[in-house]
Amino acid sequence: MNHVALELGRSDIFPVHGLHDAAQVSSHQLKARQFEIVQQAFRQHGGLAAGDALELSMRTQCAQPISYLARGIVRRTILSLEWRSQLLIPMFQFDPAGLVVRPSVASVLAHLSDVFDDWELAFWFAQPNDWLQGALPVDIVGRDGGAVYEAALADRFVAAG
């Protein structure tokens, strides 16, 4: 199987499986494939929520949900993606009981956000990780945040050089 690297700045870290020739893959096709991978990985962990829908659902638990989300997105303590002019927020990063960012996710974002952009961060959570014996960080972060944090530290070291 050929590997075509994602054009996200860290192409050696984020391979896309199943695409055959980099020259034949348009930017739009590549971005659509990237979105598919992220969406599939996050689906069983709450999926991707539209920012405005998440804000509405947070109103019962947070006095100022727009401010909370905006501050987190700007500070990069909340992972968000823009897809087709819509802000999407991966739900795995929130504790389902209180819709606050899980401490383990906050730690990972704190260590990786200065070396990866938002799409790269999403892929970091959505791709098999060697430090986690090939598991996806998104699948493990809810039950073993410490292992995911250690994997983030190792990958930060690799990415930053």
Foldseek 3Di string as FASTA:
>chain_A
DDWDFQPFPPRVVRTDPDDDDPVPQDPVNSVVSLVVLLQVQLVVQPGKDFQVVVLVVLVVQDVHSVVVVVVCVVVQLFQWDADPNTIIGRQLQADVVRRDGDPLSSLLSVLCVVLGPRSVVSSQQRFQQVLVVGDRVSVPCVPCSPSSNVSSVVVSVVRVD
